[in-house]
């Protein structure tokens, strides 16, 4: 499954190299959404002229979450905020597509990313979201809404947990369960709540399994803003950790599980830093 997702990601990068999206991504690691992060989303969406679609389906209580997000975004003086709480069947309807007419910003709520992917993946609405992004809209998501941004999506599940109380204690191949995300950000795997919840093992395992993909771990109260040229800027209070195994020597043990590597590159970035996802290099470490 992981190999197929990586192959699809690589093909997508080639296919879209000539026509890059004109929109931006604001990918939030969870926790609080500070004014700096939300101000950037509002600015990119168009402020008072914006039309924003909120997708709350990752939440266990999507109706309440949708209302809360609509109120929060409305208080930021956005022009129009609409909640699209869709089932998979509704995501293929003309009515759902009509509600996306003129949308300049999209916001994916947190919760369980698998619920959001199940509702939209492969639907007409997902295809329209890609079109909106290509045409210049800003897409934002927090926590689960961040995880779905990459094509290889971390589900949060583990194949060989060592205990019920502490997940992802292993650094091994084929332990982290992934699914198909939306693939708005190419060539990367996104993880969230990264430093706060000690998720290094799971992201590092996936990067060593898939060395063509950069691992981007975003902490709480922190975001990356991805520009059309595939560079991102760090916003907010915490760190963003980048794992890059592009030039590393990566091997597996004889059992296929144990991972070995030499030459792995690691970056720890904070507010004001810039990173180039295509060139795989830090452009600016700080303001």
C-alpha atoms as a PDB file:
ATOM      1  CA  UNK A   1       0.000   0.000   0.000  1.00  0.00           C
ATOM      2  CA  UNK A   2       2.752   2.452   1.004  1.00  0.00           C
ATOM      3  CA  UNK A   3       4.750   1.709  -2.162  1.00  0.00           C
ATOM      4  CA  UNK A   4       1.705   2.349  -4.344  1.00  0.00           C
ATOM      5  CA  UNK A   5       1.022   5.667  -2.610  1.00  0.00           C
ATOM      6  CA  UNK A   6       4.636   6.760  -3.061  1.00  0.00           C
ATOM      7  CA  UNK A   7       4.549   5.851  -6.761  1.00  0.00           C
ATOM      8  CA  UNK A   8       1.324   7.832  -7.170  1.00  0.00           C
ATOM      9  CA  UNK A   9       2.875  10.796  -5.363  1.00  0.00           C
ATOM     10  CA  UNK A  10       5.941  10.730  -7.610  1.00  0.00           C
ATOM     11  CA  UNK A  11       3.821  10.570 -10.779  1.00  0.00           C
ATOM     12  CA  UNK A  12       1.656  13.425  -9.547  1.00  0.00           C
ATOM     13  CA  UNK A  13       4.715  15.623  -9.034  1.00  0.00           C
ATOM     14  CA  UNK A  14       5.799  15.029 -12.639  1.00  0.00           C
ATOM     15  CA  UNK A  15       2.299  15.478 -14.046  1.00  0.00           C
ATOM     16  CA  UNK A  16       1.762  18.797 -12.271  1.00  0.00           C
ATOM     17  CA  UNK A  17       5.240  20.251 -12.713  1.00  0.00           C
ATOM     18  CA  UNK A  18       4.152  22.273 -15.739  1.00  0.00           C
ATOM     19  CA  UNK A  19       0.909  23.569 -14.180  1.00  0.00           C
ATOM     20  CA  UNK A  20       1.365  24.414 -10.534  1.00  0.00           C
ATOM     21  CA  UNK A  21      -1.535  25.575  -8.383  1.00  0.00           C
ATOM     22  CA  UNK A  22      -1.805  29.324  -7.920  1.00  0.00           C
ATOM     23  CA  UNK A  23      -3.299  28.948  -4.458  1.00  0.00           C
ATOM     24  CA  UNK A  24      -1.775  28.680  -0.996  1.00  0.00           C
ATOM     25  CA  UNK A  25      -1.984  26.142   1.820  1.00  0.00           C
ATOM     26  CA  UNK A  26      -2.122  27.048   5.505  1.00  0.00           C
ATOM     27  CA  UNK A  27      -1.410  23.784   7.318  1.00  0.00           C
ATOM     28  CA  UNK A  28      -1.864  24.002  11.092  1.00  0.00           C
ATOM     29  CA  UNK A  29      -0.425  21.460  13.516  1.00  0.00           C
ATOM     30  CA  UNK A  30      -3.393  21.559  15.905  1.00  0.00           C
ATOM     31  CA  UNK A  31      -3.985  23.167  19.264  1.00  0.00           C
ATOM     32  CA  UNK A  32      -4.648  26.897  19.357  1.00  0.00           C
ATOM     33  CA  UNK A  33      -4.850  28.935  16.176  1.00  0.00           C
ATOM     34  CA  UNK A  34      -3.034  32.158  16.940  1.00  0.00           C
ATOM     35  CA  UNK A  35      -3.885  35.516  15.355  1.00  0.00           C
ATOM     36  CA  UNK A  36      -0.834  35.400  13.085  1.00  0.00           C
ATOM     37  CA  UNK A  37      -1.995  32.130  11.520  1.00  0.00           C
ATOM     38  CA  UNK A  38      -5.623  33.138  11.098  1.00  0.00           C
ATOM     39  CA  UNK A  39      -4.678  36.591   9.806  1.00  0.00           C
ATOM     40  CA  UNK A  40      -2.670  34.950   7.022  1.00  0.00           C
ATOM     41  CA  UNK A  41      -5.638  32.733   6.098  1.00  0.00           C
ATOM     42  CA  UNK A  42      -8.001  35.719   6.075  1.00  0.00           C
ATOM     43  CA  UNK A  43      -5.608  37.762   3.925  1.00  0.00           C
ATOM     44  CA  UNK A  44      -5.130  34.988   1.368  1.00  0.00           C
ATOM     45  CA  UNK A  45      -8.870  34.252   1.229  1.00  0.00           C
ATOM     46  CA  UNK A  46      -9.670  37.865   0.388  1.00  0.00           C
ATOM     47  CA  UNK A  47     -10.795  39.369   3.698  1.00  0.00           C
ATOM     48  CA  UNK A  48     -14.228  41.065   3.435  1.00  0.00           C
ATOM     49  CA  UNK A  49     -14.583  39.788  -0.130  1.00  0.00           C
ATOM     50  CA  UNK A  50     -13.821  36.175   0.823  1.00  0.00           C
ATOM     51  CA  UNK A  51     -16.139  33.222   0.451  1.00  0.00           C
ATOM     52  CA  UNK A  52     -15.046  30.393   2.733  1.00  0.00           C
ATOM     53  CA  UNK A  53     -16.243  26.804   2.813  1.00  0.00           C
ATOM     54  CA  UNK A  54     -15.861  24.905   6.112  1.00  0.00           C
ATOM     55  CA  UNK A  55     -15.636  21.099   6.092  1.00  0.00           C
ATOM     56  CA  UNK A  56     -16.257  19.721   9.630  1.00  0.00           C
ATOM     57  CA  UNK A  57     -16.587  15.992   8.832  1.00  0.00           C
ATOM     58  CA  UNK A  58     -13.388  14.928  10.623  1.00  0.00           C
ATOM     59  CA  UNK A  59     -15.055  15.879  13.901  1.00  0.00           C
ATOM     60  CA  UNK A  60     -17.073  13.381  15.957  1.00  0.00           C
ATOM     61  CA  UNK A  61     -19.655  16.188  16.282  1.00  0.00           C
ATOM     62  CA  UNK A  62     -19.528  17.815  12.842  1.00  0.00           C
ATOM     63  CA  UNK A  63     -22.693  19.870  13.204  1.00  0.00           C
ATOM     64  CA  UNK A  64     -21.481  21.587  16.391  1.00  0.00           C
ATOM     65  CA  UNK A  65     -17.940  21.935  15.054  1.00  0.00           C
ATOM     66  CA  UNK A  66     -19.232  23.493  11.859  1.00  0.00           C
ATOM     67  CA  UNK A  67     -21.262  26.065  13.802  1.00  0.00           C
ATOM     68  CA  UNK A  68     -18.301  26.936  16.036  1.00  0.00           C
ATOM     69  CA  UNK A  69     -15.893  27.357  13.125  1.00  0.00           C
ATOM     70  CA  UNK A  70     -18.377  29.417  11.147  1.00  0.00           C
ATOM     71  CA  UNK A  71     -18.769  31.736  14.132  1.00  0.00           C
ATOM     72  CA  UNK A  72     -14.997  31.976  14.657  1.00  0.00           C
ATOM     73  CA  UNK A  73     -14.310  32.723  11.002  1.00  0.00           C
ATOM     74  CA  UNK A  74     -17.253  35.092  10.780  1.00  0.00           C
ATOM     75  CA  UNK A  75     -15.807  37.116  13.655  1.00  0.00           C
ATOM     76  CA  UNK A  76     -12.707  37.678  11.507  1.00  0.00           C
ATOM     77  CA  UNK A  77     -14.881  39.701   9.105  1.00  0.00           C
ATOM     78  CA  UNK A  78     -14.716  37.307   6.220  1.00  0.00           C
ATOM     79  CA  UNK A  79     -17.298  38.081   3.557  1.00  0.00           C
ATOM     80  CA  UNK A  80     -19.231  34.799   3.559  1.00  0.00           C
ATOM     81  CA  UNK A  81     -18.759  31.567   5.515  1.00  0.00           C
ATOM     82  CA  UNK A  82     -20.668  28.412   4.586  1.00  0.00           C
ATOM     83  CA  UNK A  83     -20.529  24.998   6.278  1.00  0.00           C
ATOM     84  CA  UNK A  84     -20.436  21.918   4.032  1.00  0.00           C
ATOM     85  CA  UNK A  85     -21.156  18.925   6.283  1.00  0.00           C
ATOM     86  CA  UNK A  86     -21.311  16.283   3.557  1.00  0.00           C
ATOM     87  CA  UNK A  87     -21.741  12.535   3.335  1.00  0.00           C
ATOM     88  CA  UNK A  88     -19.875  10.643   0.624  1.00  0.00           C
ATOM     89  CA  UNK A  89     -23.064  10.504  -1.451  1.00  0.00           C
ATOM     90  CA  UNK A  90     -23.678  14.235  -1.100  1.00  0.00           C
ATOM     91  CA  UNK A  91     -20.071  14.966  -2.150  1.00  0.00           C
ATOM     92  CA  UNK A  92     -20.971  13.791  -5.662  1.00  0.00           C
ATOM     93  CA  UNK A  93     -24.048  15.981  -6.098  1.00  0.00           C
ATOM     94  CA  UNK A  94     -24.631  19.133  -8.125  1.00  0.00           C
ATOM     95  CA  UNK A  95     -25.970  20.798  -4.973  1.00  0.00           C
ATOM     96  CA  UNK A  96     -22.650  20.350  -3.154  1.00  0.00           C
ATOM     97  CA  UNK A  97     -20.701  21.711  -6.124  1.00  0.00           C
ATOM     98  CA  UNK A  98     -23.016  24.708  -6.306  1.00  0.00           C
ATOM     99  CA  UNK A  99     -22.146  25.607  -2.711  1.00  0.00           C
ATOM    100  CA  UNK A 100     -18.484  25.832  -3.769  1.00  0.00           C
ATOM    101  CA  UNK A 101     -19.165  28.413  -6.470  1.00  0.00           C
ATOM    102  CA  UNK A 102     -16.963  31.449  -5.963  1.00  0.00           C
ATOM    103  CA  UNK A 103     -15.204  30.008  -2.910  1.00  0.00           C
ATOM    104  CA  UNK A 104     -11.832  31.663  -2.240  1.00  0.00           C
ATOM    105  CA  UNK A 105     -10.923  29.815   0.951  1.00  0.00           C
ATOM    106  CA  UNK A 106     -11.468  26.341   2.414  1.00  0.00           C
ATOM    107  CA  UNK A 107     -11.046  25.210   6.010  1.00  0.00           C
ATOM    108  CA  UNK A 108     -10.824  21.561   7.128  1.00  0.00           C
ATOM    109  CA  UNK A 109     -11.616  20.996  10.811  1.00  0.00           C
ATOM    110  CA  UNK A 110      -9.732  18.667  13.140  1.00  0.00           C
ATOM    111  CA  UNK A 111     -10.789  15.276  14.448  1.00  0.00           C
ATOM    112  CA  UNK A 112     -10.172  11.991  12.628  1.00  0.00           C
ATOM    113  CA  UNK A 113      -8.630  12.437   9.189  1.00  0.00           C
ATOM    114  CA  UNK A 114      -9.958   9.076   8.006  1.00  0.00           C
ATOM    115  CA  UNK A 115     -13.533  10.355   8.404  1.00  0.00           C
ATOM    116  CA  UNK A 116     -12.782  13.387   6.262  1.00  0.00           C
ATOM    117  CA  UNK A 117     -11.005  11.343   3.607  1.00  0.00           C
ATOM    118  CA  UNK A 118     -13.862   8.808   3.518  1.00  0.00           C
ATOM    119  CA  UNK A 119     -16.369  11.589   2.895  1.00  0.00           C
ATOM    120  CA  UNK A 120     -14.493  13.384   0.103  1.00  0.00           C
ATOM    121  CA  UNK A 121     -11.753  11.199  -1.383  1.00  0.00           C
ATOM    122  CA  UNK A 122     -12.423  10.510  -5.075  1.00  0.00           C
ATOM    123  CA  UNK A 123     -15.584  12.624  -5.115  1.00  0.00           C
ATOM    124  CA  UNK A 124     -16.630  15.456  -7.392  1.00  0.00           C
ATOM    125  CA  UNK A 125     -16.191  17.835  -4.466  1.00  0.00           C
ATOM    126  CA  UNK A 126     -12.568  16.744  -4.015  1.00  0.00           C
ATOM    127  CA  UNK A 127     -11.953  17.341  -7.717  1.00  0.00           C
ATOM    128  CA  UNK A 128     -13.509  20.807  -7.409  1.00  0.00           C
ATOM    129  CA  UNK A 129     -11.291  21.594  -4.412  1.00  0.00           C
ATOM    130  CA  UNK A 130      -8.238  20.781  -6.519  1.00  0.00           C
ATOM    131  CA  UNK A 131      -9.586  23.099  -9.201  1.00  0.00           C
ATOM    132  CA  UNK A 132     -10.175  25.896  -6.698  1.00  0.00           C
ATOM    133  CA  UNK A 133      -6.637  25.480  -5.370  1.00  0.00           C
ATOM    134  CA  UNK A 134      -5.241  25.512  -8.905  1.00  0.00           C
ATOM    135  CA  UNK A 135      -7.146  28.720  -9.618  1.00  0.00           C
ATOM    136  CA  UNK A 136      -5.841  30.545  -6.551  1.00  0.00           C
ATOM    137  CA  UNK A 137      -7.925  29.648  -3.494  1.00  0.00           C
ATOM    138  CA  UNK A 138      -6.316  29.141  -0.083  1.00  0.00           C
ATOM    139  CA  UNK A 139      -6.867  25.784   1.624  1.00  0.00           C
ATOM    140  CA  UNK A 140      -6.328  25.495   5.379  1.00  0.00           C
ATOM    141  CA  UNK A 141      -6.646  22.656   7.849  1.00  0.00           C
ATOM    142  CA  UNK A 142      -5.820  21.926  11.460  1.00  0.00           C
ATOM    143  CA  UNK A 143      -4.782  18.600  13.034  1.00  0.00           C
ATOM    144  CA  UNK A 144      -6.736  16.027  11.006  1.00  0.00           C
ATOM    145  CA  UNK A 145      -7.285  18.780   8.445  1.00  0.00           C
ATOM    146  CA  UNK A 146      -3.497  19.031   8.180  1.00  0.00           C
ATOM    147  CA  UNK A 147      -2.911  15.278   7.819  1.00  0.00           C
ATOM    148  CA  UNK A 148      -5.175  15.057   4.741  1.00  0.00           C
ATOM    149  CA  UNK A 149      -3.118  17.673   2.880  1.00  0.00           C
ATOM    150  CA  UNK A 150      -0.460  15.163   1.780  1.00  0.00           C
ATOM    151  CA  UNK A 151      -1.076  12.276  -0.576  1.00  0.00           C
ATOM    152  CA  UNK A 152       0.370   9.743   1.867  1.00  0.00           C
ATOM    153  CA  UNK A 153      -1.843  10.373   4.898  1.00  0.00           C
ATOM    154  CA  UNK A 154      -0.976   9.228   8.407  1.00  0.00           C
ATOM    155  CA  UNK A 155      -4.170   7.699   9.827  1.00  0.00           C
ATOM    156  CA  UNK A 156      -3.077   7.596  13.458  1.00  0.00           C
ATOM    157  CA  UNK A 157      -3.271   3.794  13.583  1.00  0.00           C
ATOM    158  CA  UNK A 158      -0.402   1.402  14.283  1.00  0.00           C
ATOM    159  CA  UNK A 159       0.045  -2.235  13.233  1.00  0.00           C
ATOM    160  CA  UNK A 160       2.267  -3.399  16.107  1.00  0.00           C
ATOM    161  CA  UNK A 161       1.573  -1.297  19.212  1.00  0.00           C
ATOM    162  CA  UNK A 162       3.648  -2.294  22.226  1.00  0.00           C
ATOM    163  CA  UNK A 163       1.155  -0.944  24.749  1.00  0.00           C
ATOM    164  CA  UNK A 164      -2.281   0.637  24.959  1.00  0.00           C
ATOM    165  CA  UNK A 165      -1.007   3.717  26.749  1.00  0.00           C
ATOM    166  CA  UNK A 166       1.849   4.907  24.541  1.00  0.00           C
ATOM    167  CA  UNK A 167       1.622   4.622  20.749  1.00  0.00           C
ATOM    168  CA  UNK A 168       4.405   4.468  18.155  1.00  0.00           C
ATOM    169  CA  UNK A 169       7.237   3.253  20.368  1.00  0.00           C
ATOM    170  CA  UNK A 170       8.791   1.447  17.396  1.00  0.00           C
ATOM    171  CA  UNK A 171      11.004   2.784  14.641  1.00  0.00           C
ATOM    172  CA  UNK A 172      10.282   0.075  12.096  1.00  0.00           C
ATOM    173  CA  UNK A 173       8.926  -0.415   8.600  1.00  0.00           C
ATOM    174  CA  UNK A 174       5.273  -1.372   8.035  1.00  0.00           C
ATOM    175  CA  UNK A 175       4.158  -0.268  11.505  1.00  0.00           C
ATOM    176  CA  UNK A 176       2.547   3.093  10.706  1.00  0.00           C
ATOM    177  CA  UNK A 177      -0.799   2.769   8.917  1.00  0.00           C
ATOM    178  CA  UNK A 178      -1.311   5.242   6.065  1.00  0.00           C
ATOM    179  CA  UNK A 179      -4.181   6.012   3.724  1.00  0.00           C
ATOM    180  CA  UNK A 180      -4.778   8.196   0.701  1.00  0.00           C
ATOM    181  CA  UNK A 181      -5.002  11.891   1.468  1.00  0.00           C
ATOM    182  CA  UNK A 182      -5.927  14.710  -0.894  1.00  0.00           C
ATOM    183  CA  UNK A 183      -2.397  15.419  -2.131  1.00  0.00           C
ATOM    184  CA  UNK A 184      -2.566  19.209  -2.150  1.00  0.00           C
ATOM    185  CA  UNK A 185       1.043  19.370  -0.948  1.00  0.00           C
ATOM    186  CA  UNK A 186       3.263  17.217  -3.156  1.00  0.00           C
ATOM    187  CA  UNK A 187       6.446  15.373  -2.257  1.00  0.00           C
ATOM    188  CA  UNK A 188       5.829  15.442   1.495  1.00  0.00           C
ATOM    189  CA  UNK A 189       4.175  13.633   4.390  1.00  0.00           C
ATOM    190  CA  UNK A 190       2.499  15.898   6.947  1.00  0.00           C
ATOM    191  CA  UNK A 191       2.322  15.083  10.655  1.00  0.00           C
ATOM    192  CA  UNK A 192       0.670  17.218  13.362  1.00  0.00           C
ATOM    193  CA  UNK A 193       0.806  17.860  17.146  1.00  0.00           C
ATOM    194  CA  UNK A 194       4.351  16.819  16.382  1.00  0.00           C
ATOM    195  CA  UNK A 195       6.680  17.789  19.210  1.00  0.00           C
ATOM    196  CA  UNK A 196       3.974  18.038  21.862  1.00  0.00           C
ATOM    197  CA  UNK A 197       2.838  14.435  21.310  1.00  0.00           C
ATOM    198  CA  UNK A 198       6.298  12.982  20.567  1.00  0.00           C
ATOM    199  CA  UNK A 199       5.489  11.729  17.089  1.00  0.00           C
ATOM    200  CA  UNK A 200       9.062  11.519  15.827  1.00  0.00           C
ATOM    201  CA  UNK A 201       9.081   7.715  15.556  1.00  0.00           C
ATOM    202  CA  UNK A 202       6.122   7.462  13.240  1.00  0.00           C
ATOM    203  CA  UNK A 203       7.188  10.225  10.848  1.00  0.00           C
ATOM    204  CA  UNK A 204      10.812   9.114  10.766  1.00  0.00           C
ATOM    205  CA  UNK A 205       9.725   5.525  10.064  1.00  0.00           C
ATOM    206  CA  UNK A 206       7.623   6.675   7.111  1.00  0.00           C
ATOM    207  CA  UNK A 207      10.385   8.890   5.697  1.00  0.00           C
ATOM    208  CA  UNK A 208      12.881   6.020   5.822  1.00  0.00           C
ATOM    209  CA  UNK A 209      10.344   3.765   4.105  1.00  0.00           C
ATOM    210  CA  UNK A 210       9.607   6.479   1.516  1.00  0.00           C
ATOM    211  CA  UNK A 211      12.847   8.462   1.070  1.00  0.00           C
ATOM    212  CA  UNK A 212      11.483  10.404  -1.897  1.00  0.00           C
ATOM    213  CA  UNK A 213       9.038  12.161   0.422  1.00  0.00           C
ATOM    214  CA  UNK A 214      10.054  14.846   2.922  1.00  0.00           C
ATOM    215  CA  UNK A 215       8.558  14.475   6.396  1.00  0.00           C
ATOM    216  CA  UNK A 216       7.128  17.715   7.801  1.00  0.00           C
ATOM    217  CA  UNK A 217       6.136  17.545  11.470  1.00  0.00           C
ATOM    218  CA  UNK A 218       4.169  20.621  12.579  1.00  0.00           C
ATOM    219  CA  UNK A 219       3.756  21.335  16.274  1.00  0.00           C
ATOM    220  CA  UNK A 220       0.662  22.736  18.001  1.00  0.00           C
ATOM    221  CA  UNK A 221      -0.095  26.468  17.649  1.00  0.00           C
ATOM    222  CA  UNK A 222       2.151  26.389  14.568  1.00  0.00           C
ATOM    223  CA  UNK A 223       1.540  26.356  10.825  1.00  0.00           C
ATOM    224  CA  UNK A 224       3.292  26.310   7.507  1.00  0.00           C
ATOM    225  CA  UNK A 225       2.071  28.517   4.672  1.00  0.00           C
ATOM    226  CA  UNK A 226       2.877  26.845   1.360  1.00  0.00           C
ATOM    227  CA  UNK A 227       3.193  29.232  -1.591  1.00  0.00           C
ATOM    228  CA  UNK A 228       2.623  28.377  -5.288  1.00  0.00           C
ATOM    229  CA  UNK A 229       6.393  28.005  -5.788  1.00  0.00           C
ATOM    230  CA  UNK A 230       6.347  25.135  -3.231  1.00  0.00           C
ATOM    231  CA  UNK A 231       8.241  27.039  -0.575  1.00  0.00           C
ATOM    232  CA  UNK A 232       6.757  27.377   2.878  1.00  0.00           C
ATOM    233  CA  UNK A 233       7.042  29.866   5.714  1.00  0.00           C
ATOM    234  CA  UNK A 234       6.676  28.885   9.363  1.00  0.00           C
ATOM    235  CA  UNK A 235       4.014  30.762  11.346  1.00  0.00           C
ATOM    236  CA  UNK A 236       3.060  30.618  15.008  1.00  0.00           C
ATOM    237  CA  UNK A 237       4.642  29.660  18.286  1.00  0.00           C
ATOM    238  CA  UNK A 238       6.275  26.238  17.949  1.00  0.00           C
ATOM    239  CA  UNK A 239       8.733  24.306  15.818  1.00  0.00           C
ATOM    240  CA  UNK A 240       8.406  22.550  12.487  1.00  0.00           C
ATOM    241  CA  UNK A 241      10.679  19.535  12.108  1.00  0.00           C
ATOM    242  CA  UNK A 242      11.715  18.414   8.616  1.00  0.00           C
ATOM    243  CA  UNK A 243      13.161  14.968   7.877  1.00  0.00           C
ATOM    244  CA  UNK A 244      14.833  14.530   4.483  1.00  0.00           C
ATOM    245  CA  UNK A 245      16.225  11.137   3.443  1.00  0.00           C
ATOM    246  CA  UNK A 246      16.720  12.081  -0.220  1.00  0.00           C
ATOM    247  CA  UNK A 247      20.501  11.732  -0.067  1.00  0.00           C
ATOM    248  CA  UNK A 248      20.620   9.179   2.710  1.00  0.00           C
ATOM    249  CA  UNK A 249      21.646   5.537   2.508  1.00  0.00           C
ATOM    250  CA  UNK A 250      18.633   3.615   3.793  1.00  0.00           C
ATOM    251  CA  UNK A 251      18.510  -0.120   4.437  1.00  0.00           C
ATOM    252  CA  UNK A 252      16.243  -2.683   6.043  1.00  0.00           C
ATOM    253  CA  UNK A 253      17.261  -5.571   8.242  1.00  0.00           C
ATOM    254  CA  UNK A 254      16.826  -9.124   6.991  1.00  0.00           C
ATOM    255  CA  UNK A 255      13.366  -9.342   8.558  1.00  0.00           C
ATOM    256  CA  UNK A 256      12.290  -6.315   6.511  1.00  0.00           C
ATOM    257  CA  UNK A 257      11.271  -4.374   9.625  1.00  0.00           C
ATOM    258  CA  UNK A 258      14.378  -2.849  11.129  1.00  0.00           C
ATOM    259  CA  UNK A 259      15.369   0.420   9.466  1.00  0.00           C
ATOM    260  CA  UNK A 260      18.942   1.703   9.138  1.00  0.00           C
ATOM    261  CA  UNK A 261      20.057   5.007   7.644  1.00  0.00           C
ATOM    262  CA  UNK A 262      23.083   7.223   7.222  1.00  0.00           C
ATOM    263  CA  UNK A 263      23.120  10.782   5.945  1.00  0.00           C
ATOM    264  CA  UNK A 264      19.597  11.739   6.957  1.00  0.00           C
ATOM    265  CA  UNK A 265      19.048  15.513   7.054  1.00  0.00           C
ATOM    266  CA  UNK A 266      17.048  17.102   9.868  1.00  0.00           C
ATOM    267  CA  UNK A 267      15.912  20.722  10.169  1.00  0.00           C
ATOM    268  CA  UNK A 268      14.231  22.402  13.129  1.00  0.00           C
ATOM    269  CA  UNK A 269      12.455  25.550  11.932  1.00  0.00           C
ATOM    270  CA  UNK A 270      10.563  28.274  13.746  1.00  0.00           C
ATOM    271  CA  UNK A 271       8.575  31.419  12.997  1.00  0.00           C
ATOM    272  CA  UNK A 272       9.931  33.259   9.965  1.00  0.00           C
ATOM    273  CA  UNK A 273      11.942  30.349   8.565  1.00  0.00           C
ATOM    274  CA  UNK A 274      11.453  29.407   4.930  1.00  0.00           C
ATOM    275  CA  UNK A 275      11.941  26.006   3.324  1.00  0.00           C
ATOM    276  CA  UNK A 276      11.886  24.882  -0.319  1.00  0.00           C
ATOM    277  CA  UNK A 277      10.008  21.579  -0.697  1.00  0.00           C
ATOM    278  CA  UNK A 278      11.252  21.127  -4.248  1.00  0.00           C
ATOM    279  CA  UNK A 279      14.938  21.960  -3.747  1.00  0.00           C
ATOM    280  CA  UNK A 280      14.876  20.313  -0.290  1.00  0.00           C
ATOM    281  CA  UNK A 281      16.737  23.116   1.417  1.00  0.00           C
ATOM    282  CA  UNK A 282      16.296  25.828   4.034  1.00  0.00           C
ATOM    283  CA  UNK A 283      16.079  29.254   2.423  1.00  0.00           C
ATOM    284  CA  UNK A 284      15.991  31.223   5.666  1.00  0.00           C
ATOM    285  CA  UNK A 285      16.483  29.916   9.185  1.00  0.00           C
ATOM    286  CA  UNK A 286      15.050  32.922  10.976  1.00  0.00           C
ATOM    287  CA  UNK A 287      13.759  36.480  10.607  1.00  0.00           C
END
